[in-house]
Amino acid sequence: MLSYLTSLGIWNWFIAAALLIVMEMIAPGAFMLWLGFAALAVGIISLVVTWAWQAQCVAFVVFAAALFPLWRRFQRVTEPPSDQPLLNQRTQTYVGKVFTLDRPIVDGTGAVRIDDTTWRVSGADCAAGRQVRVARAEGAMLFVEPV
């Protein structure tokens, strides 16, 4: 097998690069792409420089290791700022707003009705019908304080 690979010469790097890039297209994840680029770089250098296959393998490992941080940088692509940053954080939109208690807060828990939903609230004991302001939200729990 080794003699077959060495008989291909530099073309084995171009074949490996093509296979790795095609694998990336079939199963995208942006990891095989960088390995394909490393194999392509070794193939291009091998067109100019005659070197042993061991040195080519070492160069491939070095290029792959050097391209790994680049892959990590592209993996953490930031999305542009949204015009609705709290779209999927509904409870955060209620922070600072005033609501009327639907059920009294007894032993630290009660409920408010907001639109068509009843939300659990936590805070100081208060009677039903009292106005409360949402101080913070954690998960589905609203932490309120009397107004």
C-alpha atoms as a PDB file:
ATOM      1  CA  MET A   1       0.000   0.000   0.000  1.00  0.00           C
ATOM      2  CA  LEU A   2       2.817   2.381   0.917  1.00  0.00           C
ATOM      3  CA  SER A   3       4.588   1.670  -2.364  1.00  0.00           C
ATOM      4  CA  TYR A   4       1.353   2.435  -4.243  1.00  0.00           C
ATOM      5  CA  LEU A   5       0.949   5.770  -2.439  1.00  0.00           C
ATOM      6  CA  THR A   6       4.550   6.771  -3.072  1.00  0.00           C
ATOM      7  CA  SER A   7       4.172   5.806  -6.743  1.00  0.00           C
ATOM      8  CA  LEU A   8       1.470   8.467  -7.129  1.00  0.00           C
ATOM      9  CA  GLY A   9       3.999  11.147  -6.266  1.00  0.00           C
ATOM     10  CA  ILE A  10       2.613  14.556  -5.495  1.00  0.00           C
ATOM     11  CA  TRP A  11      -0.787  13.723  -6.946  1.00  0.00           C
ATOM     12  CA  ASN A  12      -1.768  11.858  -3.795  1.00  0.00           C
ATOM     13  CA  TRP A  13      -1.977  15.233  -1.996  1.00  0.00           C
ATOM     14  CA  PHE A  14      -4.265  16.682  -4.644  1.00  0.00           C
ATOM     15  CA  ILE A  15      -6.413  13.535  -4.514  1.00  0.00           C
ATOM     16  CA  ALA A  16      -6.538  13.718  -0.704  1.00  0.00           C
ATOM     17  CA  ALA A  17      -7.411  17.413  -0.864  1.00  0.00           C
ATOM     18  CA  ALA A  18     -10.232  16.746  -3.335  1.00  0.00           C
ATOM     19  CA  LEU A  19     -11.581  13.870  -1.225  1.00  0.00           C
ATOM     20  CA  LEU A  20     -11.491  15.913   1.974  1.00  0.00           C
ATOM     21  CA  ILE A  21     -13.211  18.888   0.368  1.00  0.00           C
ATOM     22  CA  VAL A  22     -15.879  16.614  -1.155  1.00  0.00           C
ATOM     23  CA  MET A  23     -16.382  15.032   2.284  1.00  0.00           C
ATOM     24  CA  GLU A  24     -16.904  18.521   3.660  1.00  0.00           C
ATOM     25  CA  MET A  25     -19.547  19.199   1.003  1.00  0.00           C
ATOM     26  CA  ILE A  26     -21.363  15.959   1.789  1.00  0.00           C
ATOM     27  CA  ALA A  27     -21.243  16.365   5.579  1.00  0.00           C
ATOM     28  CA  PRO A  28     -20.612  20.033   6.330  1.00  0.00           C
ATOM     29  CA  GLY A  29     -18.942  20.892   9.581  1.00  0.00           C
ATOM     30  CA  ALA A  30     -16.001  23.010   8.377  1.00  0.00           C
ATOM     31  CA  PHE A  31     -13.382  20.613   9.731  1.00  0.00           C
ATOM     32  CA  MET A  32     -12.524  18.519   6.673  1.00  0.00           C
ATOM     33  CA  LEU A  33     -12.283  21.708   4.641  1.00  0.00           C
ATOM     34  CA  TRP A  34      -9.187  22.834   6.544  1.00  0.00           C
ATOM     35  CA  LEU A  35      -7.594  19.415   6.267  1.00  0.00           C
ATOM     36  CA  GLY A  36      -8.270  19.591   2.525  1.00  0.00           C
ATOM     37  CA  PHE A  37      -6.583  22.988   2.380  1.00  0.00           C
ATOM     38  CA  ALA A  38      -3.577  21.565   4.271  1.00  0.00           C
ATOM     39  CA  ALA A  39      -3.307  18.688   1.770  1.00  0.00           C
ATOM     40  CA  LEU A  40      -3.645  21.159  -1.108  1.00  0.00           C
ATOM     41  CA  ALA A  41      -0.853  23.317   0.341  1.00  0.00           C
ATOM     42  CA  VAL A  42       1.468  20.299   0.607  1.00  0.00           C
ATOM     43  CA  GLY A  43       0.592  19.340  -2.974  1.00  0.00           C
ATOM     44  CA  ILE A  44       1.339  22.828  -4.283  1.00  0.00           C
ATOM     45  CA  ILE A  45       4.645  22.975  -2.406  1.00  0.00           C
ATOM     46  CA  SER A  46       5.501  19.503  -3.738  1.00  0.00           C
ATOM     47  CA  LEU A  47       5.170  20.830  -7.285  1.00  0.00           C
ATOM     48  CA  VAL A  48       8.134  23.109  -6.592  1.00  0.00           C
ATOM     49  CA  VAL A  49      10.166  21.219  -3.982  1.00  0.00           C
ATOM     50  CA  THR A  50      11.283  17.603  -4.113  1.00  0.00           C
ATOM     51  CA  TRP A  51      11.086  16.179  -0.622  1.00  0.00           C
ATOM     52  CA  ALA A  52      10.625  12.829   1.096  1.00  0.00           C
ATOM     53  CA  TRP A  53       7.142  11.555   1.825  1.00  0.00           C
ATOM     54  CA  GLN A  54       7.913  11.694   5.551  1.00  0.00           C
ATOM     55  CA  ALA A  55       8.605  15.422   5.302  1.00  0.00           C
ATOM     56  CA  GLN A  56       5.399  15.855   3.307  1.00  0.00           C
ATOM     57  CA  CYS A  57       3.426  14.129   6.072  1.00  0.00           C
ATOM     58  CA  VAL A  58       5.058  16.332   8.705  1.00  0.00           C
ATOM     59  CA  ALA A  59       4.235  19.419   6.629  1.00  0.00           C
ATOM     60  CA  PHE A  60       0.626  18.245   6.326  1.00  0.00           C
ATOM     61  CA  VAL A  61       0.358  17.881  10.111  1.00  0.00           C
ATOM     62  CA  VAL A  62       1.933  21.318  10.626  1.00  0.00           C
ATOM     63  CA  PHE A  63      -0.427  22.970   8.102  1.00  0.00           C
ATOM     64  CA  ALA A  64      -3.447  21.199   9.597  1.00  0.00           C
ATOM     65  CA  ALA A  65      -2.434  22.327  13.092  1.00  0.00           C
ATOM     66  CA  ALA A  66      -1.864  25.885  11.867  1.00  0.00           C
ATOM     67  CA  LEU A  67      -5.245  26.011  10.125  1.00  0.00           C
ATOM     68  CA  PHE A  68      -7.102  24.695  13.188  1.00  0.00           C
ATOM     69  CA  PRO A  69      -7.227  28.114  14.962  1.00  0.00           C
ATOM     70  CA  LEU A  70      -8.493  29.622  11.713  1.00  0.00           C
ATOM     71  CA  TRP A  71     -11.274  27.033  11.654  1.00  0.00           C
ATOM     72  CA  ARG A  72     -12.167  27.905  15.264  1.00  0.00           C
ATOM     73  CA  ARG A  73     -12.360  31.591  14.366  1.00  0.00           C
ATOM     74  CA  PHE A  74     -14.720  30.949  11.447  1.00  0.00           C
ATOM     75  CA  GLN A  75     -16.758  28.544  13.550  1.00  0.00           C
ATOM     76  CA  ARG A  76     -17.616  31.329  15.992  1.00  0.00           C
ATOM     77  CA  VAL A  77     -19.119  33.590  13.356  1.00  0.00           C
ATOM     78  CA  THR A  78     -21.093  36.311  15.079  1.00  0.00           C
ATOM     79  CA  GLU A  79     -24.536  37.127  13.849  1.00  0.00           C
ATOM     80  CA  PRO A  80     -25.474  40.730  13.141  1.00  0.00           C
ATOM     81  CA  PRO A  81     -27.315  42.508  15.957  1.00  0.00           C
ATOM     82  CA  SER A  82     -31.032  41.808  15.891  1.00  0.00           C
ATOM     83  CA  ASP A  83     -33.742  44.438  15.956  1.00  0.00           C
ATOM     84  CA  GLN A  84     -35.539  42.104  18.429  1.00  0.00           C
ATOM     85  CA  PRO A  85     -32.784  40.773  20.717  1.00  0.00           C
ATOM     86  CA  LEU A  86     -35.265  39.350  23.265  1.00  0.00           C
ATOM     87  CA  LEU A  87     -37.442  37.536  20.708  1.00  0.00           C
ATOM     88  CA  ASN A  88     -36.844  34.097  22.237  1.00  0.00           C
ATOM     89  CA  GLN A  89     -36.514  35.388  25.799  1.00  0.00           C
ATOM     90  CA  ARG A  90     -40.096  36.372  26.464  1.00  0.00           C
ATOM     91  CA  THR A  91     -39.735  36.815  30.222  1.00  0.00           C
ATOM     92  CA  GLN A  92     -36.884  39.315  29.764  1.00  0.00           C
ATOM     93  CA  THR A  93     -39.267  41.633  27.900  1.00  0.00           C
ATOM     94  CA  TYR A  94     -41.350  41.970  31.090  1.00  0.00           C
ATOM     95  CA  VAL A  95     -38.506  43.308  33.257  1.00  0.00           C
ATOM     96  CA  GLY A  96     -39.357  46.800  34.478  1.00  0.00           C
ATOM     97  CA  LYS A  97     -43.056  46.576  33.551  1.00  0.00           C
ATOM     98  CA  VAL A  98     -45.915  46.865  36.033  1.00  0.00           C
ATOM     99  CA  PHE A  99     -48.643  44.217  36.289  1.00  0.00           C
ATOM    100  CA  THR A 100     -51.575  43.433  38.590  1.00  0.00           C
ATOM    101  CA  LEU A 101     -51.400  40.323  40.750  1.00  0.00           C
ATOM    102  CA  ASP A 102     -53.906  37.716  39.645  1.00  0.00           C
ATOM    103  CA  ARG A 103     -53.281  35.536  42.713  1.00  0.00           C
ATOM    104  CA  PRO A 104     -51.770  36.825  45.952  1.00  0.00           C
ATOM    105  CA  ILE A 105     -48.142  36.228  46.755  1.00  0.00           C
ATOM    106  CA  VAL A 106     -48.165  33.867  49.723  1.00  0.00           C
ATOM    107  CA  ASP A 107     -44.952  32.371  51.105  1.00  0.00           C
ATOM    108  CA  GLY A 108     -43.035  34.032  48.294  1.00  0.00           C
ATOM    109  CA  THR A 109     -45.005  32.775  45.249  1.00  0.00           C
ATOM    110  CA  GLY A 110     -48.053  34.030  43.406  1.00  0.00           C
ATOM    111  CA  ALA A 111     -49.240  34.691  39.852  1.00  0.00           C
ATOM    112  CA  VAL A 112     -49.885  37.502  37.393  1.00  0.00           C
ATOM    113  CA  ARG A 113     -51.872  37.341  34.199  1.00  0.00           C
ATOM    114  CA  ILE A 114     -50.065  38.820  31.202  1.00  0.00           C
ATOM    115  CA  ASP A 115     -52.046  38.780  27.971  1.00  0.00           C
ATOM    116  CA  ASP A 116     -53.311  35.188  27.713  1.00  0.00           C
ATOM    117  CA  THR A 117     -50.746  33.572  30.030  1.00  0.00           C
ATOM    118  CA  THR A 118     -50.553  33.193  33.793  1.00  0.00           C
ATOM    119  CA  TRP A 119     -46.976  33.614  35.049  1.00  0.00           C
ATOM    120  CA  ARG A 120     -45.573  32.480  38.387  1.00  0.00           C
ATOM    121  CA  VAL A 121     -44.061  35.304  40.359  1.00  0.00           C
ATOM    122  CA  SER A 122     -41.853  35.428  43.409  1.00  0.00           C
ATOM    123  CA  GLY A 123     -41.495  38.260  45.874  1.00  0.00           C
ATOM    124  CA  ALA A 124     -42.714  39.743  49.130  1.00  0.00           C
ATOM    125  CA  ASP A 125     -46.201  38.708  50.246  1.00  0.00           C
ATOM    126  CA  CYS A 126     -48.868  40.894  48.598  1.00  0.00           C
ATOM    127  CA  ALA A 127     -52.657  40.742  48.174  1.00  0.00           C
ATOM    128  CA  ALA A 128     -54.341  39.940  44.858  1.00  0.00           C
ATOM    129  CA  GLY A 129     -55.059  43.026  42.769  1.00  0.00           C
ATOM    130  CA  ARG A 130     -51.900  44.823  43.932  1.00  0.00           C
ATOM    131  CA  GLN A 131     -49.576  46.406  41.361  1.00  0.00           C
ATOM    132  CA  VAL A 132     -46.115  44.833  41.113  1.00  0.00           C
ATOM    133  CA  ARG A 133     -43.080  45.637  38.992  1.00  0.00           C
ATOM    134  CA  VAL A 134     -40.960  42.862  37.487  1.00  0.00           C
ATOM    135  CA  ALA A 135     -37.442  43.307  38.867  1.00  0.00           C
ATOM    136  CA  ARG A 136     -35.825  40.353  37.067  1.00  0.00           C
ATOM    137  CA  ALA A 137     -36.656  37.119  35.314  1.00  0.00           C
ATOM    138  CA  GLU A 138     -35.025  33.717  35.505  1.00  0.00           C
ATOM    139  CA  GLY A 139     -36.414  31.051  33.227  1.00  0.00           C
ATOM    140  CA  ALA A 140     -40.210  31.121  33.576  1.00  0.00           C
ATOM    141  CA  MET A 141     -40.152  32.782  37.019  1.00  0.00           C
ATOM    142  CA  LEU A 142     -40.707  36.520  37.352  1.00  0.00           C
ATOM    143  CA  PHE A 143     -39.293  38.195  40.460  1.00  0.00           C
ATOM    144  CA  VAL A 144     -41.456  41.131  41.435  1.00  0.00           C
ATOM    145  CA  GLU A 145     -41.510  43.989  43.945  1.00  0.00           C
ATOM    146  CA  PRO A 146     -44.551  46.004  45.077  1.00  0.00           C
ATOM    147  CA  VAL A 147     -45.115  49.351  43.381  1.00  0.00           C
END
